Amino acid sequence: QVQLVESGGGSVQPGGSLRLSCAASGFSLDDYAISWFRQAPGKEREGPLCISTTDESTYYADSVKGRFTISRDGAKNTMYLQMSGLKPEDTALYYCAAVEGQSVDLTTPLDEYDFYGQGIQVTVSS
């Protein structure tokens, strides 16, 4: 069964850090560009926040550049989003996504990805 399952979400104070994980099954992330999206309550989905291509190039949206880091572990078939310097406006449901090949950029919408997870909540609040 092909699926992406996020974990690692939760609540954190402003300025804090959190690492999201996204485990893939049924396919190899090595062959896919991977990304993270998010959707805050009452707002449109935002993203991709960041992209990691199959040649290991990475790209970040201005809203997260310098604070978020996308990575992958081929041996574990898992992707990660390391978030630091979190702000209340980072509060959202975060989704991981994967698309075969490299034909994506920071304007590619989630529905053009091959697979995406159910989402995991991140809340930044004091």
Foldseek 3Di string as FASTA:
>chain_A
DWAKAKDWADEDAAQAKTKIKIATPPDFLLQWKKFKWWDAPPGDIAWSQKIQFNVGDMDGDPVQPPFWDWDADRVRSMIMIIGGNDDQVVWTWMKMFIAGHDPDDGPDDRVVTPHMHPTDTHGYHD
